[in-house]
Amino acid sequence: MISLQSKSISAFTCFGDVNRNLNIKSITMSDTYVPLISSGVAGPLGVVHLPRLWQKVSLEATGKLASGYPAVGKGFDAMTLAALGLDEQAVRDYIKQDKPTYPEFEAWVKQNAKSLTREAIEKHNAAVRGYNADDATRRSILSACGIPDDTAAPKDAVNLNNLDDWYEFHQAVLKG
């Protein structure tokens, strides 16, 4: 059993009996969460960023998304919705009403996406992976993380977003 916000629930129901093998007594979670699923992660459908979009919208729907993070932003979130032909409000409504697991969300995407072809997915994934942040954003993130802005520093938005998320997580949770 995991204790979340004074409620006890069974964890990891997606994997059936796996949770019986875990020796988890209690985990205390904060009131809000920095989304830590990378934009470079894909679920079984193979669409990068889709798991992060699900996590952010899910957190917002329960009032648990850390401040400063939009549930659906104008960058990778909008790109993902457009690439798949998904309506933003329909995605928000489904997640808020049904609170799906990620596999349930992907099943819903399969039923509701207007352009879920291999070509559309590959084009989208290449666009996400190939997107470079602007200079000011890159410098700001690298500076906050104490990383020199030199030729070895990442320029792509996926890795810069990862660094930013890890920094924000450290500030909110670990620094104390």
C-alpha atoms as a PDB file:
ATOM      1  CA  MET A   1       0.000   0.000   0.000  1.00  0.00           C
ATOM      2  CA  ILE A   2       1.155   3.530  -0.753  1.00  0.00           C
ATOM      3  CA  SER A   3      -0.049   6.434   1.287  1.00  0.00           C
ATOM      4  CA  LEU A   4      -0.812   9.451  -0.855  1.00  0.00           C
ATOM      5  CA  GLN A   5      -2.198  12.580   0.737  1.00  0.00           C
ATOM      6  CA  SER A   6      -3.522  10.573   3.691  1.00  0.00           C
ATOM      7  CA  LYS A   7      -5.244   8.065   1.408  1.00  0.00           C
ATOM      8  CA  SER A   8      -4.108   4.478   1.041  1.00  0.00           C
ATOM      9  CA  ILE A   9      -4.200   2.950  -2.402  1.00  0.00           C
ATOM     10  CA  SER A  10      -2.781  -0.099  -4.070  1.00  0.00           C
ATOM     11  CA  ALA A  11       0.116   0.823  -6.344  1.00  0.00           C
ATOM     12  CA  PHE A  12       1.122  -0.344  -9.780  1.00  0.00           C
ATOM     13  CA  THR A  13      -2.210  -1.968 -10.641  1.00  0.00           C
ATOM     14  CA  CYS A  14      -1.192  -1.842 -14.279  1.00  0.00           C
ATOM     15  CA  PHE A  15       1.172  -4.749 -13.618  1.00  0.00           C
ATOM     16  CA  GLY A  16      -1.113  -6.936 -11.539  1.00  0.00           C
ATOM     17  CA  ASP A  17       0.781  -8.967  -8.953  1.00  0.00           C
ATOM     18  CA  VAL A  18       4.034  -7.048  -9.306  1.00  0.00           C
ATOM     19  CA  ASN A  19       3.086  -4.756  -6.426  1.00  0.00           C
ATOM     20  CA  ARG A  20       2.929  -7.737  -4.059  1.00  0.00           C
ATOM     21  CA  ASN A  21       6.632  -8.287  -4.630  1.00  0.00           C
ATOM     22  CA  LEU A  22       7.505  -4.717  -3.695  1.00  0.00           C
ATOM     23  CA  ASN A  23       8.357  -3.881  -0.130  1.00  0.00           C
ATOM     24  CA  ILE A  24       6.763  -0.420  -0.068  1.00  0.00           C
ATOM     25  CA  LYS A  25       5.236   0.723   3.174  1.00  0.00           C
ATOM     26  CA  SER A  26       4.591   4.419   2.693  1.00  0.00           C
ATOM     27  CA  ILE A  27       5.606   7.159   0.317  1.00  0.00           C
ATOM     28  CA  THR A  28       4.840  10.753   1.106  1.00  0.00           C
ATOM     29  CA  MET A  29       4.240  12.864  -1.971  1.00  0.00           C
ATOM     30  CA  SER A  30       4.208  16.637  -2.271  1.00  0.00           C
ATOM     31  CA  ASP A  31       1.174  18.688  -3.180  1.00  0.00           C
ATOM     32  CA  THR A  32       2.478  19.507  -6.655  1.00  0.00           C
ATOM     33  CA  TYR A  33       4.848  17.747  -9.016  1.00  0.00           C
ATOM     34  CA  VAL A  34       7.443  18.734 -11.551  1.00  0.00           C
ATOM     35  CA  PRO A  35       6.784  16.536 -14.613  1.00  0.00           C
ATOM     36  CA  LEU A  36       9.797  14.270 -14.980  1.00  0.00           C
ATOM     37  CA  ILE A  37       8.828  12.237 -18.031  1.00  0.00           C
ATOM     38  CA  SER A  38      11.111  13.484 -20.791  1.00  0.00           C
ATOM     39  CA  SER A  39       9.798  14.765 -24.108  1.00  0.00           C
ATOM     40  CA  GLY A  40      12.128  12.206 -25.681  1.00  0.00           C
ATOM     41  CA  VAL A  41      10.163   9.281 -24.196  1.00  0.00           C
ATOM     42  CA  ALA A  42       7.607   7.383 -26.283  1.00  0.00           C
ATOM     43  CA  GLY A  43       5.026   4.851 -25.162  1.00  0.00           C
ATOM     44  CA  PRO A  44       3.948   1.727 -27.068  1.00  0.00           C
ATOM     45  CA  LEU A  45       2.480   3.838 -29.912  1.00  0.00           C
ATOM     46  CA  GLY A  46       5.941   5.234 -30.529  1.00  0.00           C
ATOM     47  CA  VAL A  47       4.956   8.914 -30.230  1.00  0.00           C
ATOM     48  CA  VAL A  48       7.622  10.921 -28.399  1.00  0.00           C
ATOM     49  CA  HIS A  49       6.365  13.486 -25.893  1.00  0.00           C
ATOM     50  CA  LEU A  50       2.911  11.871 -25.638  1.00  0.00           C
ATOM     51  CA  PRO A  51       3.657  10.323 -22.192  1.00  0.00           C
ATOM     52  CA  ARG A  52       4.805  13.728 -20.897  1.00  0.00           C
ATOM     53  CA  LEU A  53       1.686  15.415 -22.277  1.00  0.00           C
ATOM     54  CA  TRP A  54      -0.472  12.796 -20.506  1.00  0.00           C
ATOM     55  CA  GLN A  55       1.430  13.351 -17.252  1.00  0.00           C
ATOM     56  CA  LYS A  56       1.136  17.140 -17.355  1.00  0.00           C
ATOM     57  CA  VAL A  57      -2.559  17.177 -18.242  1.00  0.00           C
ATOM     58  CA  SER A  58      -3.228  14.499 -15.602  1.00  0.00           C
ATOM     59  CA  LEU A  59      -1.405  16.508 -12.952  1.00  0.00           C
ATOM     60  CA  GLU A  60      -3.245  19.687 -13.906  1.00  0.00           C
ATOM     61  CA  ALA A  61      -6.605  17.878 -13.820  1.00  0.00           C
ATOM     62  CA  THR A  62      -5.963  16.984 -10.178  1.00  0.00           C
ATOM     63  CA  GLY A  63      -4.462  20.359  -9.247  1.00  0.00           C
ATOM     64  CA  LYS A  64      -1.004  18.838  -8.782  1.00  0.00           C
ATOM     65  CA  LEU A  65       1.024  20.310 -11.645  1.00  0.00           C
ATOM     66  CA  ALA A  66       3.901  22.429 -10.356  1.00  0.00           C
ATOM     67  CA  SER A  67       3.563  26.132 -11.011  1.00  0.00           C
ATOM     68  CA  GLY A  68       5.305  27.364 -14.121  1.00  0.00           C
ATOM     69  CA  TYR A  69       4.392  24.265 -16.114  1.00  0.00           C
ATOM     70  CA  PRO A  70       1.479  24.556 -18.537  1.00  0.00           C
ATOM     71  CA  ALA A  71      -0.599  21.413 -18.971  1.00  0.00           C
ATOM     72  CA  VAL A  72      -0.687  22.126 -22.696  1.00  0.00           C
ATOM     73  CA  GLY A  73       1.909  24.579 -23.890  1.00  0.00           C
ATOM     74  CA  LYS A  74       2.639  26.081 -27.299  1.00  0.00           C
ATOM     75  CA  GLY A  75       5.747  23.993 -27.956  1.00  0.00           C
ATOM     76  CA  PHE A  76       5.970  20.194 -27.939  1.00  0.00           C
ATOM     77  CA  ASP A  77       2.451  19.837 -26.504  1.00  0.00           C
ATOM     78  CA  ALA A  78       0.892  21.748 -29.403  1.00  0.00           C
ATOM     79  CA  MET A  79       3.159  19.973 -31.896  1.00  0.00           C
ATOM     80  CA  THR A  80       2.068  16.570 -30.578  1.00  0.00           C
ATOM     81  CA  LEU A  81      -1.633  17.373 -30.647  1.00  0.00           C
ATOM     82  CA  ALA A  82      -1.373  18.816 -34.160  1.00  0.00           C
ATOM     83  CA  ALA A  83       0.689  15.902 -35.481  1.00  0.00           C
ATOM     84  CA  LEU A  84      -1.871  13.378 -34.261  1.00  0.00           C
ATOM     85  CA  GLY A  85      -4.916  15.474 -35.135  1.00  0.00           C
ATOM     86  CA  LEU A  86      -6.143  15.563 -31.545  1.00  0.00           C
ATOM     87  CA  ASP A  87      -8.364  18.292 -30.147  1.00  0.00           C
ATOM     88  CA  GLU A  88      -6.779  19.901 -27.074  1.00  0.00           C
ATOM     89  CA  GLN A  89     -10.050  20.339 -25.190  1.00  0.00           C
ATOM     90  CA  ALA A  90     -11.099  16.753 -25.909  1.00  0.00           C
ATOM     91  CA  VAL A  91      -7.771  15.517 -24.493  1.00  0.00           C
ATOM     92  CA  ARG A  92      -8.163  17.676 -21.381  1.00  0.00           C
ATOM     93  CA  ASP A  93     -11.784  16.596 -20.879  1.00  0.00           C
ATOM     94  CA  TYR A  94     -11.033  12.881 -21.294  1.00  0.00           C
ATOM     95  CA  ILE A  95      -8.138  12.977 -18.837  1.00  0.00           C
ATOM     96  CA  LYS A  96     -10.028  15.074 -16.291  1.00  0.00           C
ATOM     97  CA  GLN A  97     -13.156  12.921 -16.419  1.00  0.00           C
ATOM     98  CA  ASP A  98     -11.655   9.434 -16.761  1.00  0.00           C
ATOM     99  CA  LYS A  99      -8.239   9.806 -15.057  1.00  0.00           C
ATOM    100  CA  PRO A 100      -6.762   7.158 -17.388  1.00  0.00           C
ATOM    101  CA  THR A 101      -3.571   5.198 -16.944  1.00  0.00           C
ATOM    102  CA  TYR A 102      -1.082   5.845 -19.719  1.00  0.00           C
ATOM    103  CA  PRO A 103      -2.054   2.683 -21.651  1.00  0.00           C
ATOM    104  CA  GLU A 104      -5.731   3.702 -21.370  1.00  0.00           C
ATOM    105  CA  PHE A 105      -4.815   7.150 -22.708  1.00  0.00           C
ATOM    106  CA  GLU A 106      -2.991   5.621 -25.678  1.00  0.00           C
ATOM    107  CA  ALA A 107      -6.055   3.465 -26.431  1.00  0.00           C
ATOM    108  CA  TRP A 108      -8.161   6.645 -26.404  1.00  0.00           C
ATOM    109  CA  VAL A 109      -5.613   8.340 -28.705  1.00  0.00           C
ATOM    110  CA  LYS A 110      -5.903   5.411 -31.144  1.00  0.00           C
ATOM    111  CA  GLN A 111      -9.669   5.930 -31.273  1.00  0.00           C
ATOM    112  CA  ASN A 112      -9.594   9.730 -31.532  1.00  0.00           C
ATOM    113  CA  ALA A 113      -6.467  10.708 -33.484  1.00  0.00           C
ATOM    114  CA  LYS A 114      -7.119  11.887 -37.014  1.00  0.00           C
ATOM    115  CA  SER A 115      -3.574  11.244 -38.261  1.00  0.00           C
ATOM    116  CA  LEU A 116      -2.081   8.277 -36.460  1.00  0.00           C
ATOM    117  CA  THR A 117      -0.018   6.902 -39.321  1.00  0.00           C
ATOM    118  CA  ARG A 118       3.559   5.631 -39.159  1.00  0.00           C
ATOM    119  CA  GLU A 119       4.603   8.530 -41.406  1.00  0.00           C
ATOM    120  CA  ALA A 120       2.912  11.149 -39.177  1.00  0.00           C
ATOM    121  CA  ILE A 121       4.519   9.647 -36.064  1.00  0.00           C
ATOM    122  CA  GLU A 122       7.989   9.522 -37.634  1.00  0.00           C
ATOM    123  CA  LYS A 123       7.697  13.100 -38.907  1.00  0.00           C
ATOM    124  CA  HIS A 124       6.556  14.289 -35.476  1.00  0.00           C
ATOM    125  CA  ASN A 125       9.299  12.395 -33.633  1.00  0.00           C
ATOM    126  CA  ALA A 126      11.961  13.854 -35.947  1.00  0.00           C
ATOM    127  CA  ALA A 127      10.573  17.367 -35.391  1.00  0.00           C
ATOM    128  CA  VAL A 128      10.654  16.990 -31.600  1.00  0.00           C
ATOM    129  CA  ARG A 129      14.104  15.409 -31.527  1.00  0.00           C
ATOM    130  CA  GLY A 130      15.500  17.951 -33.973  1.00  0.00           C
ATOM    131  CA  TYR A 131      14.145  21.100 -32.359  1.00  0.00           C
ATOM    132  CA  ASN A 132      16.778  23.421 -30.916  1.00  0.00           C
ATOM    133  CA  ALA A 133      15.948  25.959 -28.236  1.00  0.00           C
ATOM    134  CA  ASP A 134      16.572  29.631 -28.912  1.00  0.00           C
ATOM    135  CA  ASP A 135      19.833  31.103 -27.589  1.00  0.00           C
ATOM    136  CA  ALA A 136      18.266  32.968 -24.662  1.00  0.00           C
ATOM    137  CA  THR A 137      16.409  29.881 -23.421  1.00  0.00           C
ATOM    138  CA  ARG A 138      19.507  27.717 -23.793  1.00  0.00           C
ATOM    139  CA  ARG A 139      21.709  30.208 -21.915  1.00  0.00           C
ATOM    140  CA  SER A 140      19.150  30.603 -19.125  1.00  0.00           C
ATOM    141  CA  ILE A 141      18.782  26.861 -18.518  1.00  0.00           C
ATOM    142  CA  LEU A 142      22.506  26.163 -18.723  1.00  0.00           C
ATOM    143  CA  SER A 143      23.274  29.031 -16.365  1.00  0.00           C
ATOM    144  CA  ALA A 144      20.715  27.856 -13.776  1.00  0.00           C
ATOM    145  CA  CYS A 145      22.228  24.376 -13.933  1.00  0.00           C
ATOM    146  CA  GLY A 146      25.808  25.612 -13.679  1.00  0.00           C
ATOM    147  CA  ILE A 147      26.758  24.234 -17.090  1.00  0.00           C
ATOM    148  CA  PRO A 148      29.043  26.280 -19.340  1.00  0.00           C
ATOM    149  CA  ASP A 149      27.521  27.380 -22.647  1.00  0.00           C
ATOM    150  CA  ASP A 150      30.232  25.890 -24.810  1.00  0.00           C
ATOM    151  CA  THR A 151      30.379  23.481 -27.743  1.00  0.00           C
ATOM    152  CA  ALA A 152      29.745  20.491 -25.441  1.00  0.00           C
ATOM    153  CA  ALA A 153      26.502  21.962 -24.048  1.00  0.00           C
ATOM    154  CA  PRO A 154      23.219  20.607 -25.375  1.00  0.00           C
ATOM    155  CA  LYS A 155      21.347  22.788 -27.841  1.00  0.00           C
ATOM    156  CA  ASP A 156      18.332  20.581 -28.458  1.00  0.00           C
ATOM    157  CA  ALA A 157      15.139  21.409 -26.588  1.00  0.00           C
ATOM    158  CA  VAL A 158      14.558  17.854 -25.340  1.00  0.00           C
ATOM    159  CA  ASN A 159      17.823  17.742 -23.385  1.00  0.00           C
ATOM    160  CA  LEU A 160      17.527  21.351 -22.255  1.00  0.00           C
ATOM    161  CA  ASN A 161      13.989  20.654 -21.003  1.00  0.00           C
ATOM    162  CA  ASN A 162      15.331  17.619 -19.132  1.00  0.00           C
ATOM    163  CA  LEU A 163      17.973  19.768 -17.449  1.00  0.00           C
ATOM    164  CA  ASP A 164      15.362  22.382 -16.571  1.00  0.00           C
ATOM    165  CA  ASP A 165      12.995  19.766 -15.108  1.00  0.00           C
ATOM    166  CA  TRP A 166      15.758  18.174 -13.045  1.00  0.00           C
ATOM    167  CA  TYR A 167      16.831  21.586 -11.764  1.00  0.00           C
ATOM    168  CA  GLU A 168      13.250  22.510 -10.805  1.00  0.00           C
ATOM    169  CA  PHE A 169      12.764  19.098  -9.151  1.00  0.00           C
ATOM    170  CA  HIS A 170      15.952  19.586  -7.159  1.00  0.00           C
ATOM    171  CA  GLN A 171      14.868  23.066  -6.056  1.00  0.00           C
ATOM    172  CA  ALA A 172      11.348  21.977  -5.098  1.00  0.00           C
ATOM    173  CA  VAL A 173      12.034  18.581  -3.546  1.00  0.00           C
ATOM    174  CA  LEU A 174      15.655  17.825  -2.778  1.00  0.00           C
ATOM    175  CA  LYS A 175      17.229  21.123  -1.784  1.00  0.00           C
ATOM    176  CA  GLY A 176      15.022  21.418   1.263  1.00  0.00           C
END
